Amino acid sequence: MKKLCASLTLVLLTSAVVIMSGYWTGYASGDAIGHARQHEINNSGIQGHIFVVDNGSNLVVVGAATGMDPTKSYFSLFYDKGSVPGGPNACVPSANSDLTGPQMFIANWSVDPEGTGTLVRPSKTGAAYVPLSDIGTVSIRQNTPGQNPPFFNIVVACGEVARNPL
C-alpha cells in the first residue's frame, strides 16, 4: 500500500508540474524541464523524485519521497554542476560554486504520518532563481537545529539533475 501511495503521489506531482507550467502559458520552446531521482545516503531509507520546470526567469519545483520520519523536518537544496550525487561528497557544493544561499534553498518538505513527503516551490524568481542548466545535484537534508553549523551534515538523499528533452 505504501508503494502504491508513493507512486500515486509521484503521478500527482508530475501533473502538478504540467499544471504549474501552464501558469506560464504552457511548455514554451524555451522552457527547460528536469528531474532528479533521490537515492538514499547513509542508509537513511529515504528515496524519491524531484521535478523542475525552468522558463528562463522562474523555477517551479515539486517532489515526492518515501521513508521519511514524520517526527523530523527536512528541506532541499540545489548544488552547482561540479557537485556529485554519490560518495562521501554527495550533494556538497564544489570548490568553485557560485550559487548563493537563496539560489540553493528550495523549500521545506511536508511529511505525512506514514513517512511520505511532498516538496512544493511554485515560484523561485529574482535572487532565488538559478537556471536549470547551472544545477548539478539536489539534496534532501534533515533539519538538525542543535548542531553547529545546523543541518549541513545530515544529507539523507541526493540525486543528479537531468534535463528532459522536450
N, C-alpha and C. Protein backbone atom coordinates (compact mmCIF):
# COMPACT_ATOMS: atom_id res chain seq x y z
N MET A 1 0.82 -1.19 0.00
CA MET A 1 0.00 0.00 0.00
C MET A 1 0.86 1.26 0.00
N LYS A 2 1.98 1.22 0.77
CA LYS A 2 2.87 2.37 0.86
C LYS A 2 3.45 2.72 -0.51
N LYS A 3 3.88 1.68 -1.27
CA LYS A 3 4.44 1.91 -2.60
C LYS A 3 3.39 2.46 -3.55
N LEU A 4 2.16 1.97 -3.43
CA LEU A 4 1.07 2.47 -4.27
C LEU A 4 0.83 3.94 -3.98
N CYS A 5 0.81 4.32 -2.71
CA CYS A 5 0.61 5.73 -2.33
C CYS A 5 1.75 6.59 -2.85
N ALA A 6 2.98 6.10 -2.75
CA ALA A 6 4.13 6.87 -3.23
C ALA A 6 4.05 7.03 -4.74
N SER A 7 3.66 5.97 -5.46
CA SER A 7 3.54 6.06 -6.92
C SER A 7 2.45 7.04 -7.31
N LEU A 8 1.33 6.99 -6.60
CA LEU A 8 0.24 7.92 -6.87
C LEU A 8 0.68 9.36 -6.60
N THR A 9 1.44 9.57 -5.52
CA THR A 9 1.94 10.90 -5.21
C THR A 9 2.83 11.40 -6.32
N LEU A 10 3.70 10.55 -6.86
CA LEU A 10 4.59 10.96 -7.95
C LEU A 10 3.80 11.33 -9.19
N VAL A 11 2.75 10.57 -9.50
CA VAL A 11 1.91 10.89 -10.65
C VAL A 11 1.23 12.25 -10.44
N LEU A 12 0.70 12.46 -9.25
CA LEU A 12 0.05 13.73 -8.95
C LEU A 12 1.03 14.90 -9.03
N LEU A 13 2.24 14.70 -8.52
CA LEU A 13 3.22 15.78 -8.57
C LEU A 13 3.69 16.05 -10.00
N THR A 14 3.81 15.01 -10.82
CA THR A 14 4.15 15.22 -12.22
C THR A 14 3.05 16.04 -12.89
N SER A 15 1.80 15.73 -12.58
CA SER A 15 0.69 16.51 -13.11
C SER A 15 0.75 17.94 -12.62
N ALA A 16 1.18 18.13 -11.37
CA ALA A 16 1.29 19.48 -10.82
C ALA A 16 2.31 20.31 -11.60
N VAL A 17 3.41 19.67 -12.03
CA VAL A 17 4.40 20.39 -12.84
C VAL A 17 3.77 20.87 -14.13
N VAL A 18 3.00 20.00 -14.77
CA VAL A 18 2.34 20.37 -16.02
C VAL A 18 1.36 21.51 -15.78
N ILE A 19 0.56 21.40 -14.72
CA ILE A 19 -0.41 22.45 -14.41
C ILE A 19 0.29 23.75 -14.08
N MET A 20 1.33 23.70 -13.22
CA MET A 20 2.04 24.92 -12.85
C MET A 20 2.73 25.56 -14.03
N SER A 21 3.25 24.73 -14.93
CA SER A 21 3.90 25.32 -16.09
C SER A 21 2.88 26.02 -16.98
N GLY A 22 1.61 25.58 -16.90
CA GLY A 22 0.54 26.25 -17.63
C GLY A 22 0.36 27.68 -17.17
N TYR A 23 0.76 27.97 -15.96
CA TYR A 23 0.73 29.33 -15.44
C TYR A 23 1.57 30.26 -16.32
N TRP A 24 2.56 29.66 -16.98
CA TRP A 24 3.44 30.43 -17.89
C TRP A 24 2.98 30.30 -19.33
N THR A 25 1.77 29.95 -19.57
CA THR A 25 1.18 29.71 -20.89
C THR A 25 1.64 28.41 -21.51
N GLY A 26 1.87 27.39 -20.70
CA GLY A 26 2.22 26.07 -21.21
C GLY A 26 3.71 25.92 -21.43
N TYR A 27 4.10 24.75 -21.89
CA TYR A 27 5.50 24.48 -22.17
C TYR A 27 5.90 25.24 -23.43
N ALA A 28 6.62 26.30 -23.26
CA ALA A 28 7.10 27.06 -24.41
C ALA A 28 8.40 26.44 -24.88
N SER A 29 8.82 26.79 -26.06
CA SER A 29 10.05 26.20 -26.61
C SER A 29 11.26 26.53 -25.75
N GLY A 30 11.22 27.60 -24.97
CA GLY A 30 12.35 27.97 -24.12
C GLY A 30 12.33 27.33 -22.75
N ASP A 31 11.22 26.65 -22.37
CA ASP A 31 11.15 26.03 -21.05
C ASP A 31 12.08 24.83 -20.99
N ALA A 32 12.76 24.69 -19.87
CA ALA A 32 13.60 23.51 -19.62
C ALA A 32 12.94 22.70 -18.53
N ILE A 33 12.93 21.40 -18.69
CA ILE A 33 12.29 20.51 -17.72
C ILE A 33 13.33 19.51 -17.26
N GLY A 34 13.46 19.36 -15.94
CA GLY A 34 14.45 18.44 -15.41
C GLY A 34 13.89 17.62 -14.27
N HIS A 35 14.66 16.62 -13.87
CA HIS A 35 14.25 15.76 -12.77
C HIS A 35 15.48 15.17 -12.10
N ALA A 36 15.31 14.74 -10.88
CA ALA A 36 16.39 14.07 -10.15
C ALA A 36 15.80 12.96 -9.31
N ARG A 37 16.29 11.76 -9.52
CA ARG A 37 15.88 10.64 -8.66
C ARG A 37 16.73 10.72 -7.40
N GLN A 38 16.08 10.75 -6.25
CA GLN A 38 16.76 10.86 -4.97
C GLN A 38 17.12 9.48 -4.45
N HIS A 39 18.43 9.24 -4.28
CA HIS A 39 18.93 7.98 -3.75
C HIS A 39 19.29 8.17 -2.28
N GLU A 40 19.00 7.16 -1.47
CA GLU A 40 19.29 7.29 -0.05
C GLU A 40 20.79 7.44 0.19
N ILE A 41 21.14 8.19 1.20
CA ILE A 41 22.52 8.39 1.62
C ILE A 41 22.62 7.87 3.06
N ASN A 42 23.72 7.18 3.36
CA ASN A 42 23.98 6.65 4.70
C ASN A 42 22.83 5.81 5.25
N ASN A 43 22.27 4.97 4.39
CA ASN A 43 21.19 4.05 4.79
C ASN A 43 20.01 4.75 5.45
N SER A 44 19.68 5.94 4.97
CA SER A 44 18.57 6.70 5.54
C SER A 44 17.21 6.08 5.24
N GLY A 45 17.11 5.30 4.15
CA GLY A 45 15.83 4.73 3.74
C GLY A 45 14.97 5.71 2.95
N ILE A 46 15.46 6.92 2.72
CA ILE A 46 14.69 7.94 2.02
C ILE A 46 15.02 7.90 0.53
N GLN A 47 13.97 7.82 -0.29
CA GLN A 47 14.10 7.83 -1.75
C GLN A 47 12.98 8.67 -2.32
N GLY A 48 13.16 9.18 -3.53
CA GLY A 48 12.10 9.95 -4.14
C GLY A 48 12.49 10.53 -5.48
N HIS A 49 11.70 11.48 -5.95
CA HIS A 49 11.95 12.21 -7.20
C HIS A 49 11.66 13.68 -6.98
N ILE A 50 12.44 14.51 -7.65
CA ILE A 50 12.21 15.95 -7.66
C ILE A 50 12.15 16.39 -9.11
N PHE A 51 11.14 17.21 -9.44
CA PHE A 51 10.91 17.69 -10.80
C PHE A 51 11.07 19.20 -10.83
N VAL A 52 11.66 19.72 -11.93
CA VAL A 52 11.93 21.15 -12.06
C VAL A 52 11.48 21.62 -13.44
N VAL A 53 10.79 22.77 -13.49
CA VAL A 53 10.46 23.43 -14.75
C VAL A 53 11.07 24.82 -14.69
N ASP A 54 11.80 25.20 -15.75
CA ASP A 54 12.50 26.49 -15.81
C ASP A 54 12.06 27.22 -17.07
N ASN A 55 11.48 28.42 -16.91
CA ASN A 55 11.06 29.20 -18.08
C ASN A 55 12.04 30.33 -18.40
N GLY A 56 13.19 30.35 -17.74
CA GLY A 56 14.20 31.37 -18.01
C GLY A 56 14.25 32.47 -16.96
N SER A 57 13.22 32.59 -16.13
CA SER A 57 13.25 33.57 -15.05
C SER A 57 12.54 33.05 -13.79
N ASN A 58 11.98 31.85 -13.86
CA ASN A 58 11.26 31.26 -12.74
C ASN A 58 11.42 29.75 -12.77
N LEU A 59 11.63 29.17 -11.58
CA LEU A 59 11.63 27.71 -11.45
C LEU A 59 10.39 27.30 -10.67
N VAL A 60 9.79 26.19 -11.09
CA VAL A 60 8.76 25.50 -10.33
C VAL A 60 9.39 24.18 -9.93
N VAL A 61 9.34 23.85 -8.63
CA VAL A 61 9.98 22.64 -8.13
C VAL A 61 8.95 21.86 -7.30
N VAL A 62 8.77 20.58 -7.62
CA VAL A 62 7.91 19.70 -6.84
C VAL A 62 8.62 18.38 -6.64
N GLY A 63 8.30 17.71 -5.55
CA GLY A 63 8.94 16.43 -5.28
C GLY A 63 8.10 15.54 -4.40
N ALA A 64 8.43 14.26 -4.38
CA ALA A 64 7.80 13.27 -3.52
C ALA A 64 8.88 12.32 -3.04
N ALA A 65 8.78 11.91 -1.79
CA ALA A 65 9.77 10.99 -1.23
C ALA A 65 9.08 10.07 -0.23
N THR A 66 9.69 8.91 -0.03
CA THR A 66 9.20 7.95 0.96
C THR A 66 10.33 7.65 1.94
N GLY A 67 9.96 7.07 3.08
CA GLY A 67 10.95 6.68 4.08
C GLY A 67 11.33 7.78 5.05
N MET A 68 10.60 8.89 5.02
CA MET A 68 10.89 9.99 5.94
C MET A 68 10.30 9.71 7.32
N ASP A 69 10.90 10.29 8.33
CA ASP A 69 10.41 10.16 9.70
C ASP A 69 9.47 11.34 9.96
N PRO A 70 8.18 11.10 10.21
CA PRO A 70 7.23 12.19 10.39
C PRO A 70 7.51 13.06 11.62
N THR A 71 8.38 12.61 12.52
CA THR A 71 8.71 13.42 13.69
C THR A 71 9.89 14.35 13.43
N LYS A 72 10.46 14.28 12.23
CA LYS A 72 11.62 15.11 11.88
C LYS A 72 11.24 16.05 10.74
N SER A 73 12.05 17.08 10.52
CA SER A 73 11.79 18.01 9.42
C SER A 73 12.92 17.94 8.41
N TYR A 74 12.58 18.22 7.14
CA TYR A 74 13.52 18.09 6.03
C TYR A 74 13.39 19.29 5.10
N PHE A 75 14.44 19.56 4.34
CA PHE A 75 14.43 20.61 3.33
C PHE A 75 15.33 20.16 2.19
N SER A 76 15.26 20.87 1.06
CA SER A 76 16.09 20.52 -0.10
C SER A 76 16.88 21.72 -0.58
N LEU A 77 18.06 21.40 -1.13
CA LEU A 77 18.96 22.40 -1.69
C LEU A 77 19.42 21.96 -3.08
N PHE A 78 19.67 22.95 -3.95
CA PHE A 78 20.33 22.72 -5.24
C PHE A 78 21.83 22.93 -5.05
N TYR A 79 22.64 22.28 -5.92
CA TYR A 79 24.08 22.45 -5.93
C TYR A 79 24.54 22.67 -7.37
N ASP A 80 25.72 23.20 -7.52
CA ASP A 80 26.28 23.54 -8.83
C ASP A 80 26.63 22.31 -9.65
N LYS A 81 27.02 22.54 -10.91
CA LYS A 81 27.35 21.46 -11.85
C LYS A 81 28.55 20.64 -11.40
N GLY A 82 29.41 21.16 -10.53
CA GLY A 82 30.57 20.42 -10.06
C GLY A 82 30.29 19.47 -8.91
N SER A 83 29.08 19.50 -8.38
CA SER A 83 28.72 18.62 -7.27
C SER A 83 28.47 17.21 -7.79
N VAL A 84 28.55 16.23 -6.87
CA VAL A 84 28.38 14.83 -7.27
C VAL A 84 27.22 14.21 -6.51
N PRO A 85 26.52 13.21 -7.12
CA PRO A 85 25.34 12.62 -6.49
C PRO A 85 25.61 11.46 -5.54
N GLY A 86 26.86 11.03 -5.39
CA GLY A 86 27.15 9.89 -4.54
C GLY A 86 28.50 9.99 -3.87
N GLY A 87 28.80 9.03 -3.01
CA GLY A 87 30.08 9.01 -2.32
C GLY A 87 30.10 9.93 -1.11
N PRO A 88 31.29 10.11 -0.53
CA PRO A 88 31.40 10.90 0.69
C PRO A 88 31.12 12.39 0.50
N ASN A 89 31.17 12.87 -0.74
CA ASN A 89 30.90 14.29 -1.02
C ASN A 89 29.59 14.49 -1.76
N ALA A 90 28.64 13.57 -1.56
CA ALA A 90 27.34 13.68 -2.24
C ALA A 90 26.64 14.96 -1.82
N CYS A 91 26.14 15.68 -2.83
CA CYS A 91 25.37 16.90 -2.60
C CYS A 91 26.10 17.89 -1.70
N VAL A 92 27.34 18.18 -2.10
CA VAL A 92 28.15 19.21 -1.47
C VAL A 92 28.56 20.17 -2.58
N PRO A 93 28.49 21.48 -2.34
CA PRO A 93 28.91 22.41 -3.39
C PRO A 93 30.37 22.18 -3.77
N SER A 94 30.69 22.35 -5.05
CA SER A 94 32.07 22.21 -5.48
C SER A 94 32.87 23.41 -4.97
N ALA A 95 34.19 23.30 -5.02
CA ALA A 95 35.07 24.36 -4.52
C ALA A 95 34.86 25.69 -5.24
N ASN A 96 34.46 25.63 -6.51
CA ASN A 96 34.28 26.87 -7.28
C ASN A 96 32.81 27.24 -7.50
N SER A 97 31.92 26.75 -6.61
CA SER A 97 30.50 27.05 -6.74
C SER A 97 30.24 28.53 -6.52
N ASP A 98 29.38 29.08 -7.38
CA ASP A 98 29.00 30.48 -7.19
C ASP A 98 27.50 30.63 -6.90
N LEU A 99 26.83 29.52 -6.55
CA LEU A 99 25.42 29.60 -6.18
C LEU A 99 25.30 30.25 -4.80
N THR A 100 24.37 31.16 -4.66
CA THR A 100 24.11 31.82 -3.38
C THR A 100 23.17 30.97 -2.54
N GLY A 101 23.03 31.31 -1.26
CA GLY A 101 22.09 30.62 -0.38
C GLY A 101 20.67 30.63 -0.91
N PRO A 102 20.15 31.80 -1.33
CA PRO A 102 18.79 31.82 -1.88
C PRO A 102 18.64 30.97 -3.15
N GLN A 103 19.69 30.89 -3.98
CA GLN A 103 19.63 30.05 -5.17
C GLN A 103 19.63 28.57 -4.79
N MET A 104 20.36 28.22 -3.75
CA MET A 104 20.45 26.83 -3.32
C MET A 104 19.17 26.35 -2.63
N PHE A 105 18.59 27.16 -1.76
CA PHE A 105 17.43 26.72 -0.97
C PHE A 105 16.20 26.57 -1.85
N ILE A 106 15.53 25.41 -1.71
CA ILE A 106 14.29 25.16 -2.45
C ILE A 106 13.09 25.37 -1.54
N ALA A 107 12.88 24.48 -0.58
CA ALA A 107 11.74 24.57 0.33
C ALA A 107 11.85 23.48 1.38
N ASN A 108 10.99 23.56 2.38
CA ASN A 108 10.86 22.51 3.39
C ASN A 108 9.87 21.46 2.89
N TRP A 109 10.06 20.24 3.33
CA TRP A 109 9.19 19.14 2.98
C TRP A 109 8.03 19.05 3.97
N SER A 110 6.86 18.65 3.49
CA SER A 110 5.72 18.27 4.33
C SER A 110 5.73 16.75 4.38
N VAL A 111 5.64 16.19 5.58
CA VAL A 111 5.70 14.73 5.75
C VAL A 111 4.43 14.25 6.44
N ASP A 112 3.77 13.26 5.81
CA ASP A 112 2.55 12.71 6.41
C ASP A 112 2.91 11.66 7.47
N PRO A 113 1.94 11.18 8.24
CA PRO A 113 2.22 10.23 9.32
C PRO A 113 2.83 8.90 8.86
N GLU A 114 2.65 8.55 7.57
CA GLU A 114 3.24 7.31 7.06
C GLU A 114 4.66 7.50 6.55
N GLY A 115 5.18 8.74 6.55
CA GLY A 115 6.55 9.00 6.12
C GLY A 115 6.70 9.36 4.65
N THR A 116 5.59 9.69 3.99
CA THR A 116 5.66 10.15 2.60
C THR A 116 5.74 11.68 2.62
N GLY A 117 6.75 12.21 1.95
CA GLY A 117 6.95 13.64 1.94
C GLY A 117 6.62 14.27 0.60
N THR A 118 6.21 15.54 0.64
CA THR A 118 5.98 16.31 -0.57
C THR A 118 6.72 17.64 -0.45
N LEU A 119 7.26 18.06 -1.57
CA LEU A 119 8.01 19.31 -1.67
C LEU A 119 7.35 20.14 -2.77
N VAL A 120 7.03 21.40 -2.47
CA VAL A 120 6.43 22.28 -3.47
C VAL A 120 7.05 23.66 -3.35
N ARG A 121 7.63 24.14 -4.43
CA ARG A 121 8.09 25.53 -4.53
C ARG A 121 7.54 26.05 -5.86
N PRO A 122 6.36 26.72 -5.83
CA PRO A 122 5.70 27.12 -7.06
C PRO A 122 6.37 28.28 -7.79
N SER A 123 7.26 29.01 -7.11
CA SER A 123 7.89 30.15 -7.77
C SER A 123 9.23 30.45 -7.12
N LYS A 124 10.29 30.31 -7.90
CA LYS A 124 11.66 30.60 -7.46
C LYS A 124 12.20 31.63 -8.45
N THR A 125 12.03 32.92 -8.11
CA THR A 125 12.36 34.01 -9.02
C THR A 125 13.35 34.97 -8.37
N GLY A 126 13.71 36.02 -9.11
CA GLY A 126 14.59 37.06 -8.58
C GLY A 126 15.91 36.50 -8.09
N ALA A 127 16.33 36.91 -6.90
CA ALA A 127 17.61 36.47 -6.34
C ALA A 127 17.64 34.97 -6.06
N ALA A 128 16.46 34.33 -5.94
CA ALA A 128 16.39 32.89 -5.68
C ALA A 128 16.48 32.06 -6.96
N TYR A 129 16.32 32.70 -8.12
CA TYR A 129 16.32 31.97 -9.39
C TYR A 129 17.73 31.48 -9.73
N VAL A 130 17.82 30.28 -10.22
CA VAL A 130 19.06 29.72 -10.78
C VAL A 130 18.66 28.91 -12.01
N PRO A 131 19.32 29.11 -13.14
CA PRO A 131 18.95 28.35 -14.34
C PRO A 131 19.14 26.84 -14.14
N LEU A 132 18.22 26.07 -14.67
CA LEU A 132 18.33 24.62 -14.59
C LEU A 132 19.68 24.14 -15.13
N SER A 133 20.20 24.82 -16.13
CA SER A 133 21.49 24.43 -16.73
C SER A 133 22.66 24.59 -15.76
N ASP A 134 22.49 25.35 -14.68
CA ASP A 134 23.56 25.55 -13.70
C ASP A 134 23.46 24.61 -12.50
N ILE A 135 22.43 23.75 -12.48
CA ILE A 135 22.21 22.86 -11.34
C ILE A 135 22.76 21.48 -11.66
N GLY A 136 23.57 20.94 -10.72
CA GLY A 136 24.14 19.61 -10.90
C GLY A 136 23.44 18.54 -10.09
N THR A 137 23.16 18.85 -8.82
CA THR A 137 22.50 17.88 -7.94
C THR A 137 21.50 18.60 -7.06
N VAL A 138 20.66 17.79 -6.40
CA VAL A 138 19.68 18.31 -5.44
C VAL A 138 19.63 17.32 -4.27
N SER A 139 19.53 17.86 -3.06
CA SER A 139 19.54 17.02 -1.86
C SER A 139 18.23 17.07 -1.11
N ILE A 140 18.06 16.07 -0.27
CA ILE A 140 17.10 16.14 0.82
C ILE A 140 17.97 16.10 2.07
N ARG A 141 17.77 17.08 2.96
CA ARG A 141 18.54 17.17 4.19
C ARG A 141 17.60 17.19 5.38
N GLN A 142 18.06 16.58 6.46
CA GLN A 142 17.30 16.60 7.71
C GLN A 142 17.69 17.84 8.49
N ASN A 143 16.70 18.56 8.99
CA ASN A 143 16.95 19.71 9.85
C ASN A 143 17.51 19.21 11.17
N THR A 144 18.61 19.78 11.62
CA THR A 144 19.22 19.41 12.90
C THR A 144 19.59 20.70 13.63
N PRO A 145 18.61 21.38 14.22
CA PRO A 145 18.85 22.69 14.81
C PRO A 145 19.90 22.73 15.92
N GLY A 146 20.13 21.64 16.62
CA GLY A 146 21.10 21.65 17.72
C GLY A 146 22.55 21.56 17.28
N GLN A 147 22.79 21.29 16.00
CA GLN A 147 24.17 21.14 15.54
C GLN A 147 24.76 22.49 15.16
N ASN A 148 26.09 22.55 15.16
CA ASN A 148 26.78 23.77 14.78
C ASN A 148 27.79 23.43 13.70
N PRO A 149 27.65 23.88 12.45
CA PRO A 149 26.50 24.62 11.96
C PRO A 149 25.31 23.70 11.79
N PRO A 150 24.11 24.23 11.94
CA PRO A 150 22.94 23.37 11.81
C PRO A 150 22.77 22.84 10.39
N PHE A 151 22.26 21.68 10.26
CA PHE A 151 21.77 20.99 9.08
C PHE A 151 22.76 20.64 7.99
N PHE A 152 23.95 21.10 7.97
CA PHE A 152 24.83 20.83 6.83
C PHE A 152 25.47 19.45 6.85
N ASN A 153 25.38 18.72 7.94
CA ASN A 153 26.00 17.40 7.99
C ASN A 153 25.02 16.25 7.78
N ILE A 154 23.74 16.54 7.58
CA ILE A 154 22.74 15.48 7.51
C ILE A 154 22.09 15.39 6.12
N VAL A 155 22.83 14.88 5.16
CA VAL A 155 22.27 14.60 3.83
C VAL A 155 21.65 13.22 3.91
N VAL A 156 20.34 13.12 3.63
CA VAL A 156 19.66 11.83 3.71
C VAL A 156 19.34 11.26 2.33
N ALA A 157 19.37 12.10 1.29
CA ALA A 157 19.16 11.64 -0.08
C ALA A 157 19.77 12.66 -1.04
N CYS A 158 20.20 12.18 -2.19
CA CYS A 158 20.84 13.05 -3.18
C CYS A 158 20.57 12.50 -4.57
N GLY A 159 20.47 13.39 -5.54
CA GLY A 159 20.26 12.95 -6.91
C GLY A 159 20.85 13.93 -7.91
N GLU A 160 21.30 13.40 -9.03
CA GLU A 160 21.82 14.21 -10.11
C GLU A 160 20.65 14.75 -10.94
N VAL A 161 20.69 16.03 -11.28
CA VAL A 161 19.63 16.64 -12.05
C VAL A 161 19.89 16.39 -13.53
N ALA A 162 18.90 15.82 -14.19
CA ALA A 162 18.97 15.55 -15.63
C ALA A 162 17.95 16.45 -16.33
N ARG A 163 18.31 16.94 -17.48
CA ARG A 163 17.41 17.77 -18.26
C ARG A 163 16.65 16.86 -19.23
N ASN A 164 15.33 16.98 -19.22
CA ASN A 164 14.49 16.16 -20.09
C ASN A 164 14.39 16.81 -21.48
N PRO A 165 14.43 16.01 -22.52
CA PRO A 165 14.18 16.57 -23.85
C PRO A 165 12.70 16.93 -23.99
N LEU A 166 12.41 18.01 -24.71
CA LEU A 166 11.01 18.41 -24.91
C LEU A 166 10.48 17.76 -26.15
